[in-house]
Amino acid sequence: MIIVGCATMVDYVLSCGQPAYTIDVAISMDHMSLQAVEEGLGTCWIGAFKEDEVKRILNVPEEMRVVEIMPLGYPKFHPDPKPRKKLEEIVFYEKYQA
């Protein structure tokens, strides 16, 4: 199965300057992927696609935006967890430190 996350309200921009629809769709799809893993399914967030071709194949209206594609299925194997970075490597206090 493939879930295609589309946005209908594409004109709203957050006060930080980011289009709201990309964030809204990404958050909702992320929640779906978390639940999928909880149910024993495998998935992967895909953002590298040709939007015009996806719209044509799925008959998505021109005014909508395709934000994300997410395949969903039963994995052949479950990979081992990746090692985590130390908290000191990813968290900065007060200001960013290169």
PDB file of N, CA and C in Angstrom:
ATOM      1  N   MET A   1       0.842  -1.152   0.000  1.00  0.00           N
ATOM      2  CA  MET A   1       0.000   0.000   0.000  1.00  0.00           C
ATOM      3  C   MET A   1       0.898   1.227   0.000  1.00  0.00           C
ATOM      4  N   ILE A   2       0.428   2.263  -0.648  1.00  0.00           N
ATOM      5  CA  ILE A   2       1.143   3.540  -0.632  1.00  0.00           C
ATOM      6  C   ILE A   2       0.165   4.623  -0.228  1.00  0.00           C
ATOM      7  N   ILE A   3       0.540   5.389   0.783  1.00  0.00           N
ATOM      8  CA  ILE A   3      -0.257   6.533   1.222  1.00  0.00           C
ATOM      9  C   ILE A   3       0.384   7.779   0.637  1.00  0.00           C
ATOM     10  N   VAL A   4      -0.422   8.616   0.016  1.00  0.00           N
ATOM     11  CA  VAL A   4       0.081   9.854  -0.570  1.00  0.00           C
ATOM     12  C   VAL A   4      -0.533  11.011   0.212  1.00  0.00           C
ATOM     13  N   GLY A   5       0.324  11.777   0.881  1.00  0.00           N
ATOM     14  CA  GLY A   5      -0.127  12.915   1.691  1.00  0.00           C
ATOM     15  C   GLY A   5      -0.258  14.158   0.834  1.00  0.00           C
ATOM     16  N   CYS A   6      -1.486  14.659   0.720  1.00  0.00           N
ATOM     17  CA  CYS A   6      -1.762  15.839  -0.100  1.00  0.00           C
ATOM     18  C   CYS A   6      -2.316  16.976   0.760  1.00  0.00           C
ATOM     19  N   ALA A   7      -2.078  18.195   0.301  1.00  0.00           N
ATOM     20  CA  ALA A   7      -2.574  19.376   1.001  1.00  0.00           C
ATOM     21  C   ALA A   7      -3.572  20.115   0.120  1.00  0.00           C
ATOM     22  N   THR A   8      -4.643  20.597   0.765  1.00  0.00           N
ATOM     23  CA  THR A   8      -5.656  21.350   0.033  1.00  0.00           C
ATOM     24  C   THR A   8      -5.554  22.848   0.300  1.00  0.00           C
ATOM     25  N   MET A   9      -5.147  23.222   1.503  1.00  0.00           N
ATOM     26  CA  MET A   9      -5.025  24.641   1.860  1.00  0.00           C
ATOM     27  C   MET A   9      -3.549  25.020   1.776  1.00  0.00           C
ATOM     28  N   VAL A  10      -3.128  25.528   0.630  1.00  0.00           N
ATOM     29  CA  VAL A  10      -1.697  25.732   0.393  1.00  0.00           C
ATOM     30  C   VAL A  10      -1.239  27.181   0.501  1.00  0.00           C
ATOM     31  N   ASP A  11      -2.145  28.108   0.775  1.00  0.00           N
ATOM     32  CA  ASP A  11      -1.774  29.522   0.800  1.00  0.00           C
ATOM     33  C   ASP A  11      -1.364  30.050   2.166  1.00  0.00           C
ATOM     34  N   TYR A  12      -1.697  29.333   3.241  1.00  0.00           N
ATOM     35  CA  TYR A  12      -1.410  29.843   4.579  1.00  0.00           C
ATOM     36  C   TYR A  12       0.076  29.703   4.905  1.00  0.00           C
ATOM     37  N   VAL A  13       0.679  30.799   5.361  1.00  0.00           N
ATOM     38  CA  VAL A  13       2.086  30.817   5.737  1.00  0.00           C
ATOM     39  C   VAL A  13       2.185  31.156   7.217  1.00  0.00           C
ATOM     40  N   LEU A  14       2.988  30.388   7.945  1.00  0.00           N
ATOM     41  CA  LEU A  14       3.187  30.640   9.366  1.00  0.00           C
ATOM     42  C   LEU A  14       3.972  31.936   9.574  1.00  0.00           C
ATOM     43  N   SER A  15       3.909  32.475  10.769  1.00  0.00           N
ATOM     44  CA  SER A  15       4.600  33.743  11.037  1.00  0.00           C
ATOM     45  C   SER A  15       6.113  33.621  10.871  1.00  0.00           C
ATOM     46  N   CYS A  16       6.648  32.415  10.925  1.00  0.00           N
ATOM     47  CA  CYS A  16       8.089  32.210  10.724  1.00  0.00           C
ATOM     48  C   CYS A  16       8.458  32.166   9.243  1.00  0.00           C
ATOM     49  N   GLY A  17       7.446  32.239   8.367  1.00  0.00           N
ATOM     50  CA  GLY A  17       7.694  32.256   6.933  1.00  0.00           C
ATOM     51  C   GLY A  17       7.562  30.914   6.240  1.00  0.00           C
ATOM     52  N   GLN A  18       7.331  29.848   7.000  1.00  0.00           N
ATOM     53  CA  GLN A  18       7.199  28.519   6.414  1.00  0.00           C
ATOM     54  C   GLN A  18       5.761  28.280   5.957  1.00  0.00           C
ATOM     55  N   PRO A  19       5.562  27.641   4.794  1.00  0.00           N
ATOM     56  CA  PRO A  19       4.200  27.265   4.403  1.00  0.00           C
ATOM     57  C   PRO A  19       3.650  26.238   5.387  1.00  0.00           C
ATOM     58  N   ALA A  20       2.464  26.453   5.899  1.00  0.00           N
ATOM     59  CA  ALA A  20       1.898  25.575   6.925  1.00  0.00           C
ATOM     60  C   ALA A  20       1.584  24.183   6.387  1.00  0.00           C
ATOM     61  N   TYR A  21       1.203  24.067   5.136  1.00  0.00           N
ATOM     62  CA  TYR A  21       0.742  22.771   4.638  1.00  0.00           C
ATOM     63  C   TYR A  21       1.834  21.712   4.658  1.00  0.00           C
ATOM     64  N   THR A  22       3.076  22.084   4.395  1.00  0.00           N
ATOM     65  CA  THR A  22       4.139  21.080   4.399  1.00  0.00           C
ATOM     66  C   THR A  22       4.339  20.520   5.805  1.00  0.00           C
ATOM     67  N   ILE A  23       4.284  21.377   6.792  1.00  0.00           N
ATOM     68  CA  ILE A  23       4.462  20.953   8.181  1.00  0.00           C
ATOM     69  C   ILE A  23       3.265  20.132   8.639  1.00  0.00           C
ATOM     70  N   ASP A  24       2.056  20.602   8.338  1.00  0.00           N
ATOM     71  CA  ASP A  24       0.845  19.887   8.752  1.00  0.00           C
ATOM     72  C   ASP A  24       0.793  18.471   8.181  1.00  0.00           C
ATOM     73  N   VAL A  25       1.070  18.337   6.899  1.00  0.00           N
ATOM     74  CA  VAL A  25       1.025  17.007   6.275  1.00  0.00           C
ATOM     75  C   VAL A  25       2.152  16.126   6.818  1.00  0.00           C
ATOM     76  N   ALA A  26       3.341  16.684   6.975  1.00  0.00           N
ATOM     77  CA  ALA A  26       4.464  15.896   7.492  1.00  0.00           C
ATOM     78  C   ALA A  26       4.177  15.374   8.901  1.00  0.00           C
ATOM     79  N   ILE A  27       3.588  16.210   9.751  1.00  0.00           N
ATOM     80  CA  ILE A  27       3.258  15.776  11.111  1.00  0.00           C
ATOM     81  C   ILE A  27       2.232  14.649  11.076  1.00  0.00           C
ATOM     82  N   SER A  28       1.196  14.806  10.272  1.00  0.00           N
ATOM     83  CA  SER A  28       0.164  13.761  10.228  1.00  0.00           C
ATOM     84  C   SER A  28       0.718  12.448   9.676  1.00  0.00           C
ATOM     85  N   MET A  29       1.553  12.533   8.659  1.00  0.00           N
ATOM     86  CA  MET A  29       2.146  11.320   8.088  1.00  0.00           C
ATOM     87  C   MET A  29       3.128  10.686   9.066  1.00  0.00           C
ATOM     88  N   ASP A  30       3.836  11.507   9.831  1.00  0.00           N
ATOM     89  CA  ASP A  30       4.759  10.974  10.827  1.00  0.00           C
ATOM     90  C   ASP A  30       4.005  10.179  11.885  1.00  0.00           C
ATOM     91  N   HIS A  31       2.858  10.696  12.313  1.00  0.00           N
ATOM     92  CA  HIS A  31       2.047   9.973  13.285  1.00  0.00           C
ATOM     93  C   HIS A  31       1.572   8.635  12.710  1.00  0.00           C
ATOM     94  N   MET A  32       1.232   8.628  11.423  1.00  0.00           N
ATOM     95  CA  MET A  32       0.836   7.374  10.781  1.00  0.00           C
ATOM     96  C   MET A  32       1.992   6.383  10.747  1.00  0.00           C
ATOM     97  N   SER A  33       3.201   6.873  10.469  1.00  0.00           N
ATOM     98  CA  SER A  33       4.349   5.966  10.402  1.00  0.00           C
ATOM     99  C   SER A  33       4.674   5.397  11.774  1.00  0.00           C
ATOM    100  N   LEU A  34       4.548   6.204  12.822  1.00  0.00           N
ATOM    101  CA  LEU A  34       4.777   5.699  14.177  1.00  0.00           C
ATOM    102  C   LEU A  34       3.776   4.609  14.539  1.00  0.00           C
ATOM    103  N   GLN A  35       2.512   4.811  14.189  1.00  0.00           N
ATOM    104  CA  GLN A  35       1.494   3.806  14.477  1.00  0.00           C
ATOM    105  C   GLN A  35       1.714   2.559  13.628  1.00  0.00           C
ATOM    106  N   ALA A  36       2.150   2.739  12.395  1.00  0.00           N
ATOM    107  CA  ALA A  36       2.423   1.591  11.531  1.00  0.00           C
ATOM    108  C   ALA A  36       3.488   0.688  12.150  1.00  0.00           C
ATOM    109  N   VAL A  37       4.559   1.289  12.642  1.00  0.00           N
ATOM    110  CA  VAL A  37       5.625   0.505  13.280  1.00  0.00           C
ATOM    111  C   VAL A  37       5.089  -0.189  14.524  1.00  0.00           C
ATOM    112  N   GLU A  38       4.263   0.501  15.280  1.00  0.00           N
ATOM    113  CA  GLU A  38       3.648  -0.100  16.472  1.00  0.00           C
ATOM    114  C   GLU A  38       2.823  -1.333  16.104  1.00  0.00           C
ATOM    115  N   GLU A  39       2.232  -1.324  14.913  1.00  0.00           N
ATOM    116  CA  GLU A  39       1.405  -2.434  14.444  1.00  0.00           C
ATOM    117  C   GLU A  39       2.229  -3.518  13.735  1.00  0.00           C
ATOM    118  N   GLY A  40       3.549  -3.346  13.692  1.00  0.00           N
ATOM    119  CA  GLY A  40       4.407  -4.339  13.065  1.00  0.00           C
ATOM    120  C   GLY A  40       4.618  -4.146  11.577  1.00  0.00           C
ATOM    121  N   LEU A  41       4.249  -2.998  11.064  1.00  0.00           N
ATOM    122  CA  LEU A  41       4.420  -2.699   9.649  1.00  0.00           C
ATOM    123  C   LEU A  41       5.713  -1.923   9.426  1.00  0.00           C
ATOM    124  N   GLY A  42       6.158  -1.905   8.192  1.00  0.00           N
ATOM    125  CA  GLY A  42       7.328  -1.131   7.816  1.00  0.00           C
ATOM    126  C   GLY A  42       6.917   0.014   6.916  1.00  0.00           C
ATOM    127  N   THR A  43       7.654   1.106   6.986  1.00  0.00           N
ATOM    128  CA  THR A  43       7.352   2.262   6.164  1.00  0.00           C
ATOM    129  C   THR A  43       8.586   3.131   6.013  1.00  0.00           C
ATOM    130  N   CYS A  44       8.509   4.082   5.124  1.00  0.00           N
ATOM    131  CA  CYS A  44       9.610   5.016   4.898  1.00  0.00           C
ATOM    132  C   CYS A  44       9.038   6.301   4.320  1.00  0.00           C
ATOM    133  N   TRP A  45       9.436   7.414   4.862  1.00  0.00           N
ATOM    134  CA  TRP A  45       9.004   8.731   4.387  1.00  0.00           C
ATOM    135  C   TRP A  45       9.728   9.016   3.081  1.00  0.00           C
ATOM    136  N   ILE A  46       8.979   9.309   2.015  1.00  0.00           N
ATOM    137  CA  ILE A  46       9.595   9.588   0.713  1.00  0.00           C
ATOM    138  C   ILE A  46       9.227  11.003   0.274  1.00  0.00           C
ATOM    139  N   GLY A  47      10.244  11.803   0.049  1.00  0.00           N
ATOM    140  CA  GLY A  47      10.034  13.170  -0.416  1.00  0.00           C
ATOM    141  C   GLY A  47      10.642  13.421  -1.786  1.00  0.00           C
ATOM    142  N   ALA A  48      11.335  12.438  -2.329  1.00  0.00           N
ATOM    143  CA  ALA A  48      11.972  12.577  -3.639  1.00  0.00           C
ATOM    144  C   ALA A  48      11.079  11.942  -4.698  1.00  0.00           C
ATOM    145  N   PHE A  49      10.242  12.764  -5.317  1.00  0.00           N
ATOM    146  CA  PHE A  49       9.336  12.289  -6.361  1.00  0.00           C
ATOM    147  C   PHE A  49       9.007  13.455  -7.276  1.00  0.00           C
ATOM    148  N   LYS A  50       8.460  13.154  -8.419  1.00  0.00           N
ATOM    149  CA  LYS A  50       8.055  14.193  -9.374  1.00  0.00           C
ATOM    150  C   LYS A  50       6.575  14.460  -9.145  1.00  0.00           C
ATOM    151  N   GLU A  51       6.295  15.585  -8.507  1.00  0.00           N
ATOM    152  CA  GLU A  51       4.920  15.892  -8.107  1.00  0.00           C
ATOM    153  C   GLU A  51       3.961  15.887  -9.292  1.00  0.00           C
ATOM    154  N   ASP A  52       4.365  16.459 -10.416  1.00  0.00           N
ATOM    155  CA  ASP A  52       3.457  16.511 -11.564  1.00  0.00           C
ATOM    156  C   ASP A  52       3.091  15.116 -12.065  1.00  0.00           C
ATOM    157  N   GLU A  53       4.034  14.184 -12.002  1.00  0.00           N
ATOM    158  CA  GLU A  53       3.738  12.814 -12.436  1.00  0.00           C
ATOM    159  C   GLU A  53       2.820  12.103 -11.452  1.00  0.00           C
ATOM    160  N   VAL A  54       3.041  12.303 -10.147  1.00  0.00           N
ATOM    161  CA  VAL A  54       2.161  11.700  -9.137  1.00  0.00           C
ATOM    162  C   VAL A  54       0.747  12.247  -9.305  1.00  0.00           C
ATOM    163  N   LYS A  55       0.626  13.547  -9.505  1.00  0.00           N
ATOM    164  CA  LYS A  55      -0.697  14.155  -9.708  1.00  0.00           C
ATOM    165  C   LYS A  55      -1.393  13.573 -10.933  1.00  0.00           C
ATOM    166  N   ARG A  56      -0.638  13.402 -11.998  1.00  0.00           N
ATOM    167  CA  ARG A  56      -1.220  12.867 -13.232  1.00  0.00           C
ATOM    168  C   ARG A  56      -1.690  11.421 -13.030  1.00  0.00           C
ATOM    169  N   ILE A  57      -0.844  10.599 -12.429  1.00  0.00           N
ATOM    170  CA  ILE A  57      -1.177   9.186 -12.233  1.00  0.00           C
ATOM    171  C   ILE A  57      -2.385   9.019 -11.320  1.00  0.00           C
ATOM    172  N   LEU A  58      -2.446   9.819 -10.243  1.00  0.00           N
ATOM    173  CA  LEU A  58      -3.522   9.674  -9.249  1.00  0.00           C
ATOM    174  C   LEU A  58      -4.687  10.631  -9.469  1.00  0.00           C
ATOM    175  N   ASN A  59      -4.606  11.449 -10.505  1.00  0.00           N
ATOM    176  CA  ASN A  59      -5.671  12.405 -10.817  1.00  0.00           C
ATOM    177  C   ASN A  59      -5.889  13.405  -9.670  1.00  0.00           C
ATOM    178  N   VAL A  60      -4.790  13.866  -9.079  1.00  0.00           N
ATOM    179  CA  VAL A  60      -4.851  14.862  -8.007  1.00  0.00           C
ATOM    180  C   VAL A  60      -5.084  16.224  -8.648  1.00  0.00           C
ATOM    181  N   PRO A  61      -6.056  16.992  -8.155  1.00  0.00           N
ATOM    182  CA  PRO A  61      -6.331  18.317  -8.737  1.00  0.00           C
ATOM    183  C   PRO A  61      -5.105  19.228  -8.718  1.00  0.00           C
ATOM    184  N   GLU A  62      -4.988  20.058  -9.712  1.00  0.00           N
ATOM    185  CA  GLU A  62      -3.840  20.946  -9.878  1.00  0.00           C
ATOM    186  C   GLU A  62      -3.614  21.864  -8.679  1.00  0.00           C
ATOM    187  N   GLU A  63      -4.703  22.338  -8.049  1.00  0.00           N
ATOM    188  CA  GLU A  63      -4.568  23.284  -6.932  1.00  0.00           C
ATOM    189  C   GLU A  63      -4.075  22.633  -5.637  1.00  0.00           C
ATOM    190  N   MET A  64      -4.055  21.312  -5.588  1.00  0.00           N
ATOM    191  CA  MET A  64      -3.552  20.602  -4.409  1.00  0.00           C
ATOM    192  C   MET A  64      -2.056  20.370  -4.558  1.00  0.00           C
ATOM    193  N   ARG A  65      -1.384  20.107  -3.424  1.00  0.00           N
ATOM    194  CA  ARG A  65       0.047  19.788  -3.434  1.00  0.00           C
ATOM    195  C   ARG A  65       0.258  18.391  -2.873  1.00  0.00           C
ATOM    196  N   VAL A  66       1.094  17.620  -3.539  1.00  0.00           N
ATOM    197  CA  VAL A  66       1.517  16.323  -3.032  1.00  0.00           C
ATOM    198  C   VAL A  66       2.770  16.589  -2.204  1.00  0.00           C
ATOM    199  N   VAL A  67       2.706  16.273  -0.914  1.00  0.00           N
ATOM    200  CA  VAL A  67       3.791  16.601   0.006  1.00  0.00           C
ATOM    201  C   VAL A  67       4.689  15.407   0.285  1.00  0.00           C
ATOM    202  N   GLU A  68       4.099  14.236   0.384  1.00  0.00           N
ATOM    203  CA  GLU A  68       4.856  13.069   0.839  1.00  0.00           C
ATOM    204  C   GLU A  68       4.221  11.799   0.308  1.00  0.00           C
ATOM    205  N   ILE A  69       5.054  10.801   0.101  1.00  0.00           N
ATOM    206  CA  ILE A  69       4.599   9.466  -0.269  1.00  0.00           C
ATOM    207  C   ILE A  69       5.127   8.503   0.789  1.00  0.00           C
ATOM    208  N   MET A  70       4.284   7.582   1.225  1.00  0.00           N
ATOM    209  CA  MET A  70       4.690   6.663   2.283  1.00  0.00           C
ATOM    210  C   MET A  70       4.227   5.243   1.955  1.00  0.00           C
ATOM    211  N   PRO A  71       5.160   4.377   1.511  1.00  0.00           N
ATOM    212  CA  PRO A  71       4.796   2.979   1.325  1.00  0.00           C
ATOM    213  C   PRO A  71       4.566   2.320   2.683  1.00  0.00           C
ATOM    214  N   LEU A  72       3.712   1.337   2.698  1.00  0.00           N
ATOM    215  CA  LEU A  72       3.345   0.672   3.947  1.00  0.00           C
ATOM    216  C   LEU A  72       3.207  -0.820   3.666  1.00  0.00           C
ATOM    217  N   GLY A  73       3.874  -1.642   4.452  1.00  0.00           N
ATOM    218  CA  GLY A  73       3.780  -3.083   4.241  1.00  0.00           C
ATOM    219  C   GLY A  73       4.463  -3.853   5.342  1.00  0.00           C
ATOM    220  N   TYR A  74       4.549  -5.165   5.152  1.00  0.00           N
ATOM    221  CA  TYR A  74       5.189  -6.033   6.129  1.00  0.00           C
ATOM    222  C   TYR A  74       6.651  -6.231   5.725  1.00  0.00           C
ATOM    223  N   PRO A  75       7.572  -5.829   6.600  1.00  0.00           N
ATOM    224  CA  PRO A  75       8.990  -5.941   6.246  1.00  0.00           C
ATOM    225  C   PRO A  75       9.471  -7.392   6.260  1.00  0.00           C
ATOM    226  N   LYS A  76      10.476  -7.702   5.403  1.00  0.00           N
ATOM    227  CA  LYS A  76      11.078  -9.038   5.394  1.00  0.00           C
ATOM    228  C   LYS A  76      11.906  -9.260   6.653  1.00  0.00           C
ATOM    229  N   PHE A  77      12.506  -8.190   7.174  1.00  0.00           N
ATOM    230  CA  PHE A  77      13.308  -8.293   8.396  1.00  0.00           C
ATOM    231  C   PHE A  77      13.224  -6.963   9.142  1.00  0.00           C
ATOM    232  N   HIS A  78      13.566  -6.996  10.387  1.00  0.00           N
ATOM    233  CA  HIS A  78      13.589  -5.790  11.218  1.00  0.00           C
ATOM    234  C   HIS A  78      15.048  -5.471  11.533  1.00  0.00           C
ATOM    235  N   PRO A  79      15.572  -4.366  11.007  1.00  0.00           N
ATOM    236  CA  PRO A  79      16.982  -4.046  11.252  1.00  0.00           C
ATOM    237  C   PRO A  79      17.227  -3.725  12.728  1.00  0.00           C
ATOM    238  N   ASP A  80      18.460  -3.930  13.142  1.00  0.00           N
ATOM    239  CA  ASP A  80      18.841  -3.568  14.504  1.00  0.00           C
ATOM    240  C   ASP A  80      18.782  -2.052  14.653  1.00  0.00           C
ATOM    241  N   PRO A  81      18.470  -1.574  15.854  1.00  0.00           N
ATOM    242  CA  PRO A  81      18.451  -0.123  16.067  1.00  0.00           C
ATOM    243  C   PRO A  81      19.826   0.484  15.806  1.00  0.00           C
ATOM    244  N   LYS A  82      19.834   1.695  15.277  1.00  0.00           N
ATOM    245  CA  LYS A  82      21.091   2.407  15.048  1.00  0.00           C
ATOM    246  C   LYS A  82      21.595   2.968  16.369  1.00  0.00           C
ATOM    247  N   PRO A  83      22.910   3.077  16.525  1.00  0.00           N
ATOM    248  CA  PRO A  83      23.423   3.663  17.765  1.00  0.00           C
ATOM    249  C   PRO A  83      23.015   5.132  17.874  1.00  0.00           C
ATOM    250  N   ARG A  84      22.714   5.559  19.074  1.00  0.00           N
ATOM    251  CA  ARG A  84      22.306   6.938  19.327  1.00  0.00           C
ATOM    252  C   ARG A  84      23.515   7.810  19.620  1.00  0.00           C
ATOM    253  N   LYS A  85      23.436   9.057  19.190  1.00  0.00           N
ATOM    254  CA  LYS A  85      24.475  10.018  19.546  1.00  0.00           C
ATOM    255  C   LYS A  85      24.318  10.402  21.007  1.00  0.00           C
ATOM    256  N   LYS A  86      25.413  10.837  21.597  1.00  0.00           N
ATOM    257  CA  LYS A  86      25.349  11.327  22.967  1.00  0.00           C
ATOM    258  C   LYS A  86      24.560  12.624  22.988  1.00  0.00           C
ATOM    259  N   LEU A  87      23.841  12.858  24.053  1.00  0.00           N
ATOM    260  CA  LEU A  87      23.027  14.056  24.192  1.00  0.00           C
ATOM    261  C   LEU A  87      23.857  15.323  23.985  1.00  0.00           C
ATOM    262  N   GLU A  88      25.081  15.325  24.462  1.00  0.00           N
ATOM    263  CA  GLU A  88      25.953  16.500  24.328  1.00  0.00           C
ATOM    264  C   GLU A  88      26.264  16.829  22.865  1.00  0.00           C
ATOM    265  N   GLU A  89      26.125  15.852  21.979  1.00  0.00           N
ATOM    266  CA  GLU A  89      26.408  16.069  20.560  1.00  0.00           C
ATOM    267  C   GLU A  89      25.248  16.741  19.825  1.00  0.00           C
ATOM    268  N   ILE A  90      24.048  16.676  20.405  1.00  0.00           N
ATOM    269  CA  ILE A  90      22.879  17.167  19.666  1.00  0.00           C
ATOM    270  C   ILE A  90      22.080  18.245  20.382  1.00  0.00           C
ATOM    271  N   VAL A  91      22.418  18.523  21.658  1.00  0.00           N
ATOM    272  CA  VAL A  91      21.664  19.517  22.419  1.00  0.00           C
ATOM    273  C   VAL A  91      22.603  20.664  22.792  1.00  0.00           C
ATOM    274  N   PHE A  92      22.152  21.875  22.544  1.00  0.00           N
ATOM    275  CA  PHE A  92      22.909  23.069  22.923  1.00  0.00           C
ATOM    276  C   PHE A  92      22.027  23.923  23.823  1.00  0.00           C
ATOM    277  N   TYR A  93      22.631  24.564  24.796  1.00  0.00           N
ATOM    278  CA  TYR A  93      21.905  25.421  25.716  1.00  0.00           C
ATOM    279  C   TYR A  93      22.280  26.872  25.461  1.00  0.00           C
ATOM    280  N   GLU A  94      21.285  27.730  25.491  1.00  0.00           N
ATOM    281  CA  GLU A  94      21.461  29.181  25.318  1.00  0.00           C
ATOM    282  C   GLU A  94      21.744  29.604  23.892  1.00  0.00           C
ATOM    283  N   LYS A  95      22.658  28.928  23.174  1.00  0.00           N
ATOM    284  CA  LYS A  95      22.933  29.282  21.780  1.00  0.00           C
ATOM    285  C   LYS A  95      23.569  28.101  21.065  1.00  0.00           C
ATOM    286  N   TYR A  96      23.511  28.132  19.754  1.00  0.00           N
ATOM    287  CA  TYR A  96      24.107  27.071  18.922  1.00  0.00           C
ATOM    288  C   TYR A  96      25.615  27.133  19.018  1.00  0.00           C
ATOM    289  N   GLN A  97      26.242  25.959  19.111  1.00  0.00           N
ATOM    290  CA  GLN A  97      27.701  25.880  19.161  1.00  0.00           C
ATOM    291  C   GLN A  97      28.178  24.940  18.069  1.00  0.00           C
ATOM    292  N   ALA A  98      28.969  25.458  17.162  1.00  0.00           N
ATOM    293  CA  ALA A  98      29.482  24.645  16.047  1.00  0.00           C
ATOM    294  C   ALA A  98      30.568  23.697  16.496  1.00  0.00           C
TER     295      ALA A  98
END
